[in-house]
Amino acid sequence: MNLMEKGAGLLTKKLADSCSVPVEYRRGTDDPLQLSACIGSTLFRTENEYGVTIRERSVDFLVAAPGFIPERGDEIRWDGNKYEVLAPNGEPVWRFSDNFGKSLRIHTKFMGAVDE
């Protein structure tokens, strides 16, 4: 492990310690996972069949690499709301937030209040 990789790990930990909120990650009927996430966003741009640019903003959850791969259709619950793991136009629903795989950026779509 080189100095840059150690620094990326330290930065991920410091960001989680100072800027994160507790979220619940759900997949199907599995038990929910409790994660710490920083909230962000990504602006996706695409063109429709008429050449008009469509912009769509996702709500992103930045988490320390959780040991699993997020999948389309999973759900994140935060602050009484639910967010579906989703990205427009076949884009990947997650990506690494650093060059060393220490943290993930999970793209989601706001789905409304939790119905429980």
Protein backbone atom coordinates (compact mmCIF):
# COMPACT_ATOMS: atom_id res chain seq x y z
CA MET A 1 0.00 0.00 0.00
CA ASN A 2 1.52 3.32 -1.05
CA LEU A 3 1.22 6.72 0.62
CA MET A 4 -1.57 7.89 -1.70
CA GLU A 5 -3.67 4.82 -0.95
CA LYS A 6 -3.17 5.29 2.80
CA GLY A 7 -4.20 8.92 2.40
CA ALA A 8 -7.36 7.95 0.50
CA GLY A 9 -8.30 5.57 3.31
CA LEU A 10 -7.67 8.26 5.93
CA LEU A 11 -9.67 10.84 3.97
CA THR A 12 -12.61 8.41 3.63
CA LYS A 13 -12.57 7.80 7.39
CA LYS A 14 -12.32 11.51 8.26
CA LEU A 15 -15.16 12.37 5.87
CA ALA A 16 -17.35 9.66 7.41
CA ASP A 17 -16.51 10.84 10.94
CA SER A 18 -17.30 14.50 10.30
CA CYS A 19 -19.90 14.68 7.51
CA SER A 20 -21.89 11.45 7.49
CA VAL A 21 -25.41 10.57 8.51
CA PRO A 22 -26.79 7.14 9.42
CA VAL A 23 -28.65 5.40 6.59
CA GLU A 24 -30.28 2.00 6.21
CA TYR A 25 -29.41 -0.08 3.15
CA ARG A 26 -32.00 -2.68 2.08
CA ARG A 27 -31.92 -5.45 -0.49
CA GLY A 28 -35.05 -7.54 -0.94
CA THR A 29 -35.95 -9.40 2.23
CA ASP A 30 -32.39 -9.38 3.63
CA ASP A 31 -31.84 -7.74 6.99
CA PRO A 32 -31.13 -4.02 6.52
CA LEU A 33 -27.55 -2.80 6.91
CA GLN A 34 -26.71 0.31 8.90
CA LEU A 35 -24.18 2.48 7.05
CA SER A 36 -22.71 5.94 7.47
CA ALA A 37 -23.06 8.03 4.32
CA CYS A 38 -22.25 11.50 3.11
CA ILE A 39 -24.98 12.96 0.93
CA GLY A 40 -24.18 14.27 -2.54
CA SER A 41 -25.64 14.46 -6.02
CA THR A 42 -24.77 13.83 -9.65
CA LEU A 43 -26.21 15.58 -12.68
CA PHE A 44 -26.81 13.21 -15.60
CA ARG A 45 -27.30 14.63 -19.10
CA THR A 46 -28.78 12.79 -22.06
CA GLU A 47 -30.49 13.71 -25.31
CA ASN A 48 -33.94 12.51 -26.28
CA GLU A 49 -34.89 11.44 -29.81
CA TYR A 50 -35.45 15.10 -30.78
CA GLY A 51 -31.99 16.21 -29.70
CA VAL A 52 -33.26 17.97 -26.57
CA THR A 53 -30.93 17.70 -23.59
CA ILE A 54 -32.57 16.10 -20.57
CA ARG A 55 -31.02 16.69 -17.17
CA GLU A 56 -31.68 14.43 -14.22
CA ARG A 57 -30.12 14.83 -10.78
CA SER A 58 -29.59 11.81 -8.55
CA VAL A 59 -29.27 11.83 -4.77
CA ASP A 60 -25.96 10.13 -4.04
CA PHE A 61 -24.81 8.34 -0.93
CA LEU A 62 -21.05 8.19 -0.46
CA VAL A 63 -20.07 5.26 1.77
CA ALA A 64 -16.92 3.45 2.77
CA ALA A 65 -16.68 0.40 0.48
CA PRO A 66 -19.26 -1.84 2.18
CA GLY A 67 -18.00 -5.24 1.02
CA PHE A 68 -20.84 -5.76 -1.45
CA ILE A 69 -21.83 -4.32 -4.81
CA PRO A 70 -24.93 -2.09 -4.85
CA GLU A 71 -27.58 -3.31 -7.27
CA ARG A 72 -30.33 -1.54 -9.20
CA GLY A 73 -33.55 -1.73 -7.18
CA ASP A 74 -31.92 -1.82 -3.75
CA GLU A 75 -33.24 0.80 -1.34
CA ILE A 76 -31.64 3.33 0.97
CA ARG A 77 -33.65 4.91 3.77
CA TRP A 78 -32.61 8.19 5.28
CA ASP A 79 -34.38 10.90 7.25
CA GLY A 80 -37.81 9.26 6.89
CA ASN A 81 -37.52 8.95 3.10
CA LYS A 82 -36.67 6.13 0.72
CA TYR A 83 -34.37 6.22 -2.28
CA GLU A 84 -34.13 3.53 -4.96
CA VAL A 85 -30.65 2.61 -6.19
CA LEU A 86 -31.02 3.74 -9.78
CA ALA A 87 -29.29 5.69 -12.54
CA PRO A 88 -30.76 6.92 -15.83
CA ASN A 89 -30.08 5.56 -19.33
CA GLY A 90 -28.30 2.40 -18.32
CA GLU A 91 -25.58 4.26 -16.42
CA PRO A 92 -23.95 2.26 -13.61
CA VAL A 93 -25.73 2.72 -10.27
CA TRP A 94 -22.45 3.15 -8.40
CA ARG A 95 -18.85 4.10 -8.94
CA PHE A 96 -15.73 4.37 -6.85
CA SER A 97 -15.24 7.82 -5.32
CA ASP A 98 -11.47 7.47 -5.22
CA ASN A 99 -8.73 5.76 -7.20
CA PHE A 100 -8.23 2.99 -4.65
CA GLY A 101 -11.74 1.60 -4.09
CA LYS A 102 -11.99 2.88 -0.51
CA SER A 103 -15.39 4.53 -1.00
CA LEU A 104 -18.40 4.22 -3.28
CA ARG A 105 -20.82 6.79 -4.68
CA ILE A 106 -24.26 5.16 -4.94
CA HIS A 107 -26.72 6.91 -7.28
CA THR A 108 -30.38 6.89 -6.22
CA LYS A 109 -33.76 8.35 -7.04
CA PHE A 110 -36.03 9.86 -4.39
CA MET A 111 -39.13 7.67 -4.02
CA GLY A 112 -41.04 9.43 -1.23
CA ALA A 113 -41.66 8.95 2.45
CA VAL A 114 -41.23 5.61 4.15
CA ASP A 115 -44.66 3.95 4.42
CA GLU A 116 -44.07 2.08 7.66
